[in-house]
Each structure stands twice: as structure tokens, then as C-alpha cells.
N, C-alpha and C. Protein backbone atom coordinates (compact mmCIF):
# COMPACT_ATOMS: atom_id res chain seq x y z
N MET A 1 0.99 -1.12 -0.08
CA MET A 1 0.02 -0.07 0.21
C MET A 1 0.85 1.06 0.06
N ILE A 2 0.37 2.39 -0.25
CA ILE A 2 1.03 3.60 -0.29
C ILE A 2 0.04 4.43 0.49
N GLY A 3 0.74 5.43 1.55
CA GLY A 3 0.24 6.00 2.24
C GLY A 3 0.81 7.40 2.52
N HIS A 4 0.41 8.42 3.14
CA HIS A 4 1.30 9.56 3.56
C HIS A 4 1.23 9.90 4.76
N ILE A 5 2.20 10.58 5.35
CA ILE A 5 2.25 10.82 7.04
C ILE A 5 1.07 12.09 6.84
N THR A 6 0.14 11.95 7.83
CA THR A 6 -0.73 12.98 8.12
C THR A 6 -0.89 13.47 9.60
N VAL A 7 0.00 12.94 10.48
CA VAL A 7 0.19 13.14 12.02
C VAL A 7 1.62 12.52 12.36
N MET A 8 2.41 13.41 13.20
CA MET A 8 3.52 12.86 13.80
C MET A 8 3.40 13.43 15.24
N GLN A 9 3.48 12.26 16.16
CA GLN A 9 3.66 12.76 17.57
C GLN A 9 5.15 12.13 18.15
N PRO A 10 6.18 13.05 18.02
CA PRO A 10 7.37 12.65 18.49
C PRO A 10 7.47 12.03 19.98
N ASP A 11 6.63 12.78 20.77
CA ASP A 11 7.00 12.62 22.07
C ASP A 11 6.52 11.03 22.39
N TYR A 12 5.53 10.41 21.49
CA TYR A 12 5.15 9.09 21.76
C TYR A 12 5.72 7.99 20.64
N ASP A 13 6.67 8.64 19.86
CA ASP A 13 7.26 7.74 18.95
C ASP A 13 6.07 7.13 17.89
N GLN A 14 5.17 8.08 17.75
CA GLN A 14 3.94 7.40 16.78
C GLN A 14 3.60 8.46 15.72
N GLY A 15 3.13 7.90 14.64
CA GLY A 15 2.98 8.82 13.60
C GLY A 15 1.43 8.20 12.83
N ILE A 16 0.84 8.81 11.95
CA ILE A 16 -0.42 8.14 11.40
C ILE A 16 -0.06 8.17 10.07
N LEU A 17 -0.18 7.31 9.25
CA LEU A 17 -0.09 7.21 7.56
C LEU A 17 -1.67 6.99 7.27
N THR A 18 -1.99 7.67 6.09
CA THR A 18 -3.28 7.73 5.76
C THR A 18 -3.34 7.14 4.32
N ASP A 19 -3.99 6.16 3.99
CA ASP A 19 -4.00 5.80 2.34
C ASP A 19 -4.83 6.58 1.62
N PHE A 20 -4.87 6.23 0.56
CA PHE A 20 -5.81 6.91 -0.62
C PHE A 20 -7.07 6.69 -0.41
N HIS A 21 -7.60 5.78 0.63
CA HIS A 21 -9.33 5.51 0.88
C HIS A 21 -9.47 6.02 2.14
N GLY A 22 -8.49 7.09 2.62
CA GLY A 22 -8.88 7.62 3.91
C GLY A 22 -8.71 6.87 5.04
N ARG A 23 -8.11 5.49 5.32
CA ARG A 23 -7.81 4.62 6.11
C ARG A 23 -6.72 5.06 6.94
N HIS A 24 -6.41 4.98 8.25
CA HIS A 24 -5.47 5.56 9.22
C HIS A 24 -4.68 4.33 9.61
N PHE A 25 -3.43 4.35 9.68
CA PHE A 25 -2.45 3.51 9.98
C PHE A 25 -1.38 3.97 10.86
N LYS A 26 -1.42 3.51 12.31
CA LYS A 26 -0.36 3.97 12.87
C LYS A 26 1.14 3.42 12.71
N PHE A 27 2.22 3.99 13.01
CA PHE A 27 3.69 3.63 12.80
C PHE A 27 4.44 4.32 13.96
N ARG A 28 5.77 3.50 14.06
CA ARG A 28 6.27 4.05 14.89
C ARG A 28 7.62 4.89 14.23
N LEU A 29 7.80 6.04 14.72
CA LEU A 29 8.72 7.17 13.87
C LEU A 29 9.96 6.72 13.97
N THR A 30 10.45 5.85 14.90
CA THR A 30 11.75 5.28 14.95
C THR A 30 12.05 4.32 13.98
N ALA A 31 10.72 3.67 13.35
CA ALA A 31 11.10 2.65 12.49
C ALA A 31 11.28 3.09 11.09
N VAL A 32 11.36 4.41 10.96
CA VAL A 32 11.49 4.92 9.34
C VAL A 32 13.00 5.27 9.29
N TRP A 33 13.56 4.82 7.98
CA TRP A 33 14.84 5.03 8.08
C TRP A 33 14.91 5.76 6.49
N PRO A 34 15.89 6.89 6.20
CA PRO A 34 16.18 7.61 7.14
C PRO A 34 15.39 8.48 7.60
N SER A 35 15.86 8.95 9.18
CA SER A 35 14.78 9.82 9.63
C SER A 35 14.63 11.23 9.14
N SER A 36 15.35 11.45 8.24
CA SER A 36 15.14 12.87 7.61
C SER A 36 13.97 12.73 6.55
N ALA A 37 13.42 11.59 6.22
CA ALA A 37 12.29 11.31 5.37
C ALA A 37 11.08 11.66 6.27
N LEU A 38 11.13 11.85 7.23
CA LEU A 38 9.80 11.97 8.25
C LEU A 38 9.47 13.55 8.14
N HIS A 39 8.44 13.70 7.52
CA HIS A 39 7.70 14.94 7.22
C HIS A 39 6.13 14.91 6.99
N ILE A 40 5.41 15.89 7.24
CA ILE A 40 4.00 15.69 6.60
C ILE A 40 3.81 15.78 5.57
N GLY A 41 3.10 14.83 5.12
CA GLY A 41 2.69 14.64 3.49
C GLY A 41 3.79 13.67 2.66
N ALA A 42 4.87 13.23 3.48
CA ALA A 42 5.75 12.23 2.94
C ALA A 42 4.97 10.87 2.58
N GLU A 43 5.25 10.36 1.43
CA GLU A 43 4.65 9.09 0.84
C GLU A 43 5.61 7.87 1.42
N PHE A 44 5.03 6.75 1.86
CA PHE A 44 5.46 5.40 2.04
C PHE A 44 4.75 4.35 1.33
N TYR A 45 5.68 3.40 1.02
CA TYR A 45 5.09 2.04 0.72
C TYR A 45 5.06 1.38 2.26
N PHE A 46 3.96 0.38 2.26
CA PHE A 46 3.89 -0.39 3.41
C PHE A 46 2.83 -1.49 3.57
N ARG A 47 3.19 -2.19 4.39
CA ARG A 47 2.02 -3.38 4.28
C ARG A 47 1.14 -3.19 5.65
N PRO A 48 -0.11 -3.43 5.53
CA PRO A 48 -0.90 -3.03 6.59
C PRO A 48 -1.16 -4.48 7.29
N GLN A 49 -1.28 -4.35 8.67
CA GLN A 49 -1.96 -5.39 9.36
C GLN A 49 -2.90 -4.97 10.76
N LEU A 50 -3.83 -5.82 10.66
CA LEU A 50 -5.00 -5.86 11.65
C LEU A 50 -4.50 -6.17 12.94
N THR A 51 -4.47 -5.35 14.17
CA THR A 51 -4.24 -5.87 15.44
C THR A 51 -5.22 -5.56 16.32
N ALA A 52 -5.06 -5.80 17.68
CA ALA A 52 -6.37 -5.66 18.46
C ALA A 52 -6.31 -4.27 18.93
N ALA A 53 -5.10 -3.36 18.49
CA ALA A 53 -5.13 -1.94 18.69
C ALA A 53 -5.45 -1.29 17.60
N GLY A 54 -5.85 -2.02 16.36
CA GLY A 54 -6.41 -1.46 15.32
C GLY A 54 -5.46 -1.63 13.93
N LEU A 55 -5.61 -0.90 13.11
CA LEU A 55 -4.86 -0.83 12.01
C LEU A 55 -3.04 -0.32 12.01
N VAL A 56 -2.37 -1.28 11.70
CA VAL A 56 -0.92 -0.84 11.72
C VAL A 56 -0.06 -0.79 10.64
N ALA A 57 0.88 -0.15 10.30
CA ALA A 57 1.66 -0.38 9.13
C ALA A 57 3.10 -0.92 9.77
N VAL A 58 3.09 -2.05 9.13
CA VAL A 58 4.56 -2.83 9.31
C VAL A 58 5.54 -2.74 8.07
N SER A 59 6.51 -3.42 8.05
CA SER A 59 7.55 -3.31 7.13
C SER A 59 7.11 -3.11 5.73
N ALA A 60 7.92 -2.24 4.96
CA ALA A 60 7.65 -2.37 3.75
C ALA A 60 7.84 -3.50 2.82
N PRO A 61 6.82 -3.72 1.86
CA PRO A 61 6.92 -5.02 0.99
C PRO A 61 8.33 -5.17 0.51
């Protein structure tokens, strides 16, 4: 999937990716390398996973 960063919460090491259908996926900011790629609107390829906590983005395919 492709999504873009819509929320970043550095204090909680958490961000939100939104796909083009409007679904939201949580991800860890420290999981992104290089960290210079982190900014609102940045696009990422990711693999979604449904967990008890909701939808999360896991490693890129």
C-alpha cells in the first residue's frame, strides 16, 4: 500500500499514515530510515496489519 504521513507525535514515537481511501494506520517514527524522510505529506510504501489495537503499518513490502 501507499500512504502519506498525516500526523506525527514525536513525544510518543508515533505517527499516522493515511492511504488514498482515507484509512489510518499507526506506525513508529523510529522505524523510518532515514529519519530525514519524516515530514507531513511524505509518502511511504507499507504493508498493513490488523491488530487488537487497530490498523498498523508494518515493514515495507
